[in-house]
Amino acid sequence: MWNTYLGRRLKGCGYAIKGAWMLLKNEPSIQIQAVIAIGITAAGFYFNISPAEWMLQIFAIGLVMSIEGLNTAAEEIANFVHPDFHDKIGYIKDVAAGAVFFAAVAAVVIACIIYIPKF
């Protein structure tokens, strides 16, 4: 069964779920972002935001958490390739963290656009 097209896709989904669980279990930054995501989702229900606002909010949450996962992967690869301090490895890690920063700023702007008018 696992050698069929659908079987391979299901197996791939299993790996993806395992990776998401590993991130949530082991990475403090993802844990904090998950708590924020739960809080902002609760706020969405409380303020009864529109479908368009839900789409933006879900997109922002997914974007930040996805980029954070990629940042973690880049850091782990860099640490594996070169465990000691190296300027290039530091640069790679900083650039990956910068990508998370851009996504987080966009998410905060989206949250402000949605929630400031509600107050």
N, C-alpha and C. Protein backbone atom coordinates (compact mmCIF):
# COMPACT_ATOMS: atom_id res chain seq x y z
N MET A 1 0.81 -1.21 0.00
CA MET A 1 0.00 0.00 0.00
C MET A 1 0.85 1.27 0.00
N TRP A 2 1.98 1.27 0.74
CA TRP A 2 2.79 2.48 0.86
C TRP A 2 3.57 2.79 -0.42
N ASN A 3 3.58 1.87 -1.39
CA ASN A 3 4.29 2.11 -2.64
C ASN A 3 3.42 2.75 -3.70
N THR A 4 2.14 2.94 -3.42
CA THR A 4 1.26 3.61 -4.37
C THR A 4 1.44 5.11 -4.24
N TYR A 5 0.94 5.84 -5.23
CA TYR A 5 1.03 7.30 -5.18
C TYR A 5 0.38 7.84 -3.92
N LEU A 6 -0.85 7.40 -3.65
CA LEU A 6 -1.57 7.87 -2.47
C LEU A 6 -0.87 7.43 -1.19
N GLY A 7 -0.35 6.23 -1.17
CA GLY A 7 0.37 5.74 -0.01
C GLY A 7 1.59 6.58 0.31
N ARG A 8 2.34 6.94 -0.73
CA ARG A 8 3.52 7.79 -0.52
C ARG A 8 3.13 9.17 -0.01
N ARG A 9 2.01 9.71 -0.51
CA ARG A 9 1.54 11.02 -0.03
C ARG A 9 1.14 10.94 1.45
N LEU A 10 0.44 9.87 1.80
CA LEU A 10 0.05 9.69 3.20
C LEU A 10 1.27 9.53 4.10
N LYS A 11 2.26 8.79 3.62
CA LYS A 11 3.49 8.63 4.38
C LYS A 11 4.19 9.98 4.55
N GLY A 12 4.19 10.79 3.49
CA GLY A 12 4.77 12.14 3.56
C GLY A 12 4.04 13.01 4.56
N CYS A 13 2.72 12.89 4.60
CA CYS A 13 1.93 13.64 5.59
C CYS A 13 2.32 13.22 6.99
N GLY A 14 2.58 11.94 7.17
CA GLY A 14 3.01 11.45 8.48
C GLY A 14 4.32 12.09 8.91
N TYR A 15 5.26 12.20 7.98
CA TYR A 15 6.54 12.86 8.29
C TYR A 15 6.32 14.34 8.63
N ALA A 16 5.42 14.99 7.90
CA ALA A 16 5.14 16.40 8.15
C ALA A 16 4.53 16.60 9.53
N ILE A 17 3.60 15.75 9.88
CA ILE A 17 2.97 15.84 11.22
C ILE A 17 4.01 15.58 12.30
N LYS A 18 4.88 14.60 12.06
CA LYS A 18 5.96 14.31 13.02
C LYS A 18 6.87 15.53 13.18
N GLY A 19 7.22 16.18 12.07
CA GLY A 19 8.07 17.36 12.13
C GLY A 19 7.41 18.51 12.85
N ALA A 20 6.12 18.72 12.60
CA ALA A 20 5.39 19.79 13.29
C ALA A 20 5.36 19.51 14.79
N TRP A 21 5.10 18.25 15.15
CA TRP A 21 5.08 17.87 16.56
C TRP A 21 6.46 18.08 17.21
N MET A 22 7.53 17.72 16.49
CA MET A 22 8.89 17.91 17.02
C MET A 22 9.17 19.38 17.25
N LEU A 23 8.73 20.24 16.31
CA LEU A 23 8.91 21.68 16.50
C LEU A 23 8.18 22.16 17.74
N LEU A 24 6.91 21.77 17.86
CA LEU A 24 6.11 22.22 19.02
C LEU A 24 6.67 21.68 20.34
N LYS A 25 7.20 20.48 20.30
CA LYS A 25 7.71 19.86 21.52
C LYS A 25 9.06 20.42 21.95
N ASN A 26 9.92 20.76 20.98
CA ASN A 26 11.32 21.05 21.30
C ASN A 26 11.76 22.50 21.12
N GLU A 27 10.99 23.31 20.42
CA GLU A 27 11.46 24.65 20.08
C GLU A 27 10.70 25.73 20.85
N PRO A 28 11.36 26.41 21.79
CA PRO A 28 10.67 27.43 22.59
C PRO A 28 10.04 28.55 21.74
N SER A 29 10.69 28.94 20.67
CA SER A 29 10.14 30.03 19.86
C SER A 29 8.81 29.63 19.21
N ILE A 30 8.72 28.38 18.74
CA ILE A 30 7.46 27.89 18.17
C ILE A 30 6.41 27.75 19.26
N GLN A 31 6.82 27.34 20.45
CA GLN A 31 5.87 27.20 21.56
C GLN A 31 5.25 28.56 21.91
N ILE A 32 6.07 29.59 21.95
CA ILE A 32 5.56 30.94 22.23
C ILE A 32 4.63 31.38 21.10
N GLN A 33 5.02 31.14 19.88
CA GLN A 33 4.18 31.53 18.74
C GLN A 33 2.87 30.75 18.73
N ALA A 34 2.89 29.50 19.16
CA ALA A 34 1.66 28.71 19.23
C ALA A 34 0.71 29.28 20.28
N VAL A 35 1.25 29.71 21.41
CA VAL A 35 0.43 30.34 22.45
C VAL A 35 -0.17 31.64 21.92
N ILE A 36 0.64 32.44 21.24
CA ILE A 36 0.14 33.68 20.64
C ILE A 36 -0.95 33.36 19.61
N ALA A 37 -0.72 32.34 18.80
CA ALA A 37 -1.71 31.95 17.78
C ALA A 37 -3.03 31.55 18.43
N ILE A 38 -2.97 30.80 19.52
CA ILE A 38 -4.19 30.41 20.23
C ILE A 38 -4.89 31.64 20.79
N GLY A 39 -4.11 32.55 21.36
CA GLY A 39 -4.70 33.78 21.91
C GLY A 39 -5.36 34.64 20.85
N ILE A 40 -4.69 34.81 19.74
CA ILE A 40 -5.24 35.66 18.67
C ILE A 40 -6.44 34.98 18.01
N THR A 41 -6.44 33.65 17.98
CA THR A 41 -7.60 32.92 17.46
C THR A 41 -8.79 33.11 18.40
N ALA A 42 -8.54 33.03 19.70
CA ALA A 42 -9.62 33.29 20.67
C ALA A 42 -10.15 34.72 20.50
N ALA A 43 -9.25 35.67 20.27
CA ALA A 43 -9.67 37.05 20.04
C ALA A 43 -10.54 37.15 18.79
N GLY A 44 -10.21 36.39 17.77
CA GLY A 44 -11.01 36.38 16.55
C GLY A 44 -12.44 35.94 16.82
N PHE A 45 -12.59 34.91 17.65
CA PHE A 45 -13.94 34.46 18.01
C PHE A 45 -14.65 35.50 18.88
N TYR A 46 -13.91 36.07 19.83
CA TYR A 46 -14.50 37.06 20.74
C TYR A 46 -15.01 38.29 19.98
N PHE A 47 -14.20 38.78 19.05
CA PHE A 47 -14.56 39.99 18.30
C PHE A 47 -15.36 39.68 17.04
N ASN A 48 -15.62 38.41 16.79
CA ASN A 48 -16.43 38.00 15.64
C ASN A 48 -15.91 38.63 14.34
N ILE A 49 -14.64 38.36 14.06
CA ILE A 49 -14.03 38.97 12.88
C ILE A 49 -14.64 38.38 11.60
N SER A 50 -14.49 39.12 10.52
CA SER A 50 -15.10 38.74 9.24
C SER A 50 -14.32 37.58 8.60
N PRO A 51 -14.93 36.93 7.61
CA PRO A 51 -14.20 35.86 6.90
C PRO A 51 -12.89 36.35 6.29
N ALA A 52 -12.88 37.53 5.73
CA ALA A 52 -11.64 38.06 5.14
C ALA A 52 -10.58 38.27 6.23
N GLU A 53 -11.01 38.76 7.39
CA GLU A 53 -10.07 38.95 8.50
C GLU A 53 -9.54 37.60 9.00
N TRP A 54 -10.42 36.59 9.03
CA TRP A 54 -9.97 35.24 9.40
C TRP A 54 -8.91 34.75 8.43
N MET A 55 -9.14 34.96 7.14
CA MET A 55 -8.16 34.50 6.15
C MET A 55 -6.81 35.16 6.36
N LEU A 56 -6.82 36.48 6.58
CA LEU A 56 -5.56 37.18 6.81
C LEU A 56 -4.88 36.69 8.10
N GLN A 57 -5.68 36.51 9.13
CA GLN A 57 -5.12 36.07 10.40
C GLN A 57 -4.53 34.68 10.30
N ILE A 58 -5.24 33.76 9.69
CA ILE A 58 -4.74 32.39 9.54
C ILE A 58 -3.49 32.37 8.66
N PHE A 59 -3.50 33.19 7.61
CA PHE A 59 -2.32 33.28 6.75
C PHE A 59 -1.12 33.79 7.55
N ALA A 60 -1.33 34.83 8.35
CA ALA A 60 -0.24 35.40 9.14
C ALA A 60 0.31 34.39 10.14
N ILE A 61 -0.58 33.67 10.82
CA ILE A 61 -0.14 32.66 11.79
C ILE A 61 0.65 31.56 11.07
N GLY A 62 0.12 31.07 9.97
CA GLY A 62 0.81 30.03 9.21
C GLY A 62 2.15 30.49 8.68
N LEU A 63 2.20 31.73 8.20
CA LEU A 63 3.45 32.28 7.67
C LEU A 63 4.53 32.34 8.74
N VAL A 64 4.19 32.91 9.88
CA VAL A 64 5.19 33.06 10.95
C VAL A 64 5.68 31.70 11.42
N MET A 65 4.75 30.78 11.66
CA MET A 65 5.17 29.47 12.17
C MET A 65 5.95 28.68 11.12
N SER A 66 5.57 28.81 9.85
CA SER A 66 6.31 28.13 8.78
C SER A 66 7.72 28.66 8.64
N ILE A 67 7.85 29.97 8.62
CA ILE A 67 9.19 30.57 8.49
C ILE A 67 10.04 30.24 9.71
N GLU A 68 9.42 30.21 10.88
CA GLU A 68 10.17 29.82 12.09
C GLU A 68 10.65 28.38 11.97
N GLY A 69 9.84 27.50 11.42
CA GLY A 69 10.27 26.12 11.20
C GLY A 69 11.45 26.04 10.24
N LEU A 70 11.39 26.81 9.17
CA LEU A 70 12.51 26.84 8.22
C LEU A 70 13.76 27.43 8.87
N ASN A 71 13.59 28.44 9.72
CA ASN A 71 14.71 29.03 10.44
C ASN A 71 15.36 27.98 11.34
N THR A 72 14.53 27.22 12.05
CA THR A 72 15.06 26.17 12.92
C THR A 72 15.82 25.14 12.11
N ALA A 73 15.26 24.75 10.96
CA ALA A 73 15.94 23.77 10.11
C ALA A 73 17.28 24.31 9.62
N ALA A 74 17.31 25.57 9.20
CA ALA A 74 18.57 26.17 8.73
C ALA A 74 19.60 26.21 9.85
N GLU A 75 19.17 26.56 11.05
CA GLU A 75 20.09 26.61 12.19
C GLU A 75 20.64 25.21 12.52
N GLU A 76 19.76 24.22 12.49
CA GLU A 76 20.20 22.85 12.79
C GLU A 76 21.20 22.35 11.75
N ILE A 77 20.93 22.64 10.48
CA ILE A 77 21.87 22.24 9.43
C ILE A 77 23.20 22.95 9.62
N ALA A 78 23.16 24.26 9.89
CA ALA A 78 24.39 25.02 10.08
C ALA A 78 25.18 24.49 11.26
N ASN A 79 24.50 24.17 12.37
CA ASN A 79 25.20 23.63 13.54
C ASN A 79 25.80 22.25 13.25
N PHE A 80 25.11 21.47 12.42
CA PHE A 80 25.62 20.14 12.07
C PHE A 80 26.85 20.25 11.18
N VAL A 81 26.80 21.14 10.20
CA VAL A 81 27.90 21.29 9.25
C VAL A 81 29.12 21.91 9.93
N HIS A 82 28.87 22.90 10.80
CA HIS A 82 29.99 23.60 11.43
C HIS A 82 29.62 23.93 12.87
N PRO A 83 29.87 23.01 13.81
CA PRO A 83 29.43 23.20 15.20
C PRO A 83 30.11 24.38 15.91
N ASP A 84 31.32 24.72 15.50
CA ASP A 84 32.03 25.84 16.12
C ASP A 84 31.60 27.15 15.48
N PHE A 85 31.91 28.25 16.16
CA PHE A 85 31.56 29.56 15.61
C PHE A 85 32.30 29.79 14.29
N HIS A 86 31.56 30.31 13.34
CA HIS A 86 32.14 30.68 12.05
C HIS A 86 31.33 31.86 11.52
N ASP A 87 32.03 32.84 10.94
CA ASP A 87 31.35 34.05 10.46
C ASP A 87 30.25 33.74 9.44
N LYS A 88 30.51 32.85 8.51
CA LYS A 88 29.51 32.51 7.48
C LYS A 88 28.29 31.82 8.09
N ILE A 89 28.53 30.91 9.04
CA ILE A 89 27.42 30.24 9.72
C ILE A 89 26.60 31.27 10.49
N GLY A 90 27.28 32.19 11.16
CA GLY A 90 26.57 33.25 11.87
C GLY A 90 25.73 34.10 10.93
N TYR A 91 26.27 34.39 9.77
CA TYR A 91 25.53 35.16 8.76
C TYR A 91 24.27 34.40 8.31
N ILE A 92 24.44 33.11 8.04
CA ILE A 92 23.30 32.29 7.60
C ILE A 92 22.21 32.28 8.68
N LYS A 93 22.59 32.11 9.92
CA LYS A 93 21.62 32.09 11.01
C LYS A 93 20.93 33.46 11.16
N ASP A 94 21.70 34.52 11.04
CA ASP A 94 21.12 35.86 11.16
C ASP A 94 20.13 36.15 10.04
N VAL A 95 20.47 35.75 8.83
CA VAL A 95 19.56 35.96 7.69
C VAL A 95 18.27 35.16 7.88
N ALA A 96 18.39 33.91 8.34
CA ALA A 96 17.20 33.10 8.60
C ALA A 96 16.34 33.73 9.69
N ALA A 97 16.96 34.24 10.74
CA ALA A 97 16.21 34.91 11.80
C ALA A 97 15.57 36.20 11.27
N GLY A 98 16.25 36.86 10.37
CA GLY A 98 15.69 38.07 9.76
C GLY A 98 14.42 37.76 8.97
N ALA A 99 14.38 36.62 8.32
CA ALA A 99 13.17 36.22 7.59
C ALA A 99 12.00 36.03 8.56
N VAL A 100 12.27 35.45 9.72
CA VAL A 100 11.22 35.30 10.73
C VAL A 100 10.76 36.68 11.20
N PHE A 101 11.70 37.59 11.38
CA PHE A 101 11.37 38.95 11.81
C PHE A 101 10.42 39.62 10.82
N PHE A 102 10.72 39.51 9.52
CA PHE A 102 9.84 40.10 8.51
C PHE A 102 8.42 39.53 8.60
N ALA A 103 8.33 38.21 8.74
CA ALA A 103 7.02 37.56 8.84
C ALA A 103 6.29 38.00 10.11
N ALA A 104 7.02 38.11 11.21
CA ALA A 104 6.40 38.52 12.48
C ALA A 104 5.91 39.96 12.41
N VAL A 105 6.68 40.84 11.80
CA VAL A 105 6.25 42.23 11.66
C VAL A 105 4.98 42.30 10.80
N ALA A 106 4.96 41.55 9.72
CA ALA A 106 3.76 41.52 8.87
C ALA A 106 2.56 41.01 9.67
N ALA A 107 2.76 40.00 10.50
CA ALA A 107 1.67 39.45 11.31
C ALA A 107 1.17 40.48 12.32
N VAL A 108 2.07 41.22 12.92
CA VAL A 108 1.67 42.26 13.88
C VAL A 108 0.89 43.36 13.17
N VAL A 109 1.32 43.75 11.99
CA VAL A 109 0.60 44.77 11.22
C VAL A 109 -0.81 44.27 10.89
N ILE A 110 -0.92 43.02 10.45
CA ILE A 110 -2.24 42.44 10.15
C ILE A 110 -3.10 42.44 11.40
N ALA A 111 -2.54 42.04 12.54
CA ALA A 111 -3.29 42.02 13.79
C ALA A 111 -3.76 43.43 14.16
N CYS A 112 -2.91 44.41 13.97
CA CYS A 112 -3.30 45.80 14.26
C CYS A 112 -4.43 46.26 13.35
N ILE A 113 -4.34 45.94 12.09
CA ILE A 113 -5.39 46.33 11.13
C ILE A 113 -6.72 45.69 11.52
N ILE A 114 -6.67 44.44 11.97
CA ILE A 114 -7.91 43.74 12.34
C ILE A 114 -8.46 44.23 13.67
N TYR A 115 -7.60 44.37 14.69
CA TYR A 115 -8.09 44.53 16.05
C TYR A 115 -8.15 45.97 16.56
N ILE A 116 -7.31 46.86 16.08
CA ILE A 116 -7.38 48.24 16.59
C ILE A 116 -8.76 48.84 16.37
N PRO A 117 -9.39 48.68 15.22
CA PRO A 117 -10.75 49.24 15.04
C PRO A 117 -11.80 48.63 16.00
N LYS A 118 -11.52 47.46 16.53
CA LYS A 118 -12.48 46.81 17.43
C LYS A 118 -12.49 47.46 18.81
N PHE A 119 -11.47 48.25 19.12
CA PHE A 119 -11.42 48.88 20.44
C PHE A 119 -11.98 50.25 20.35
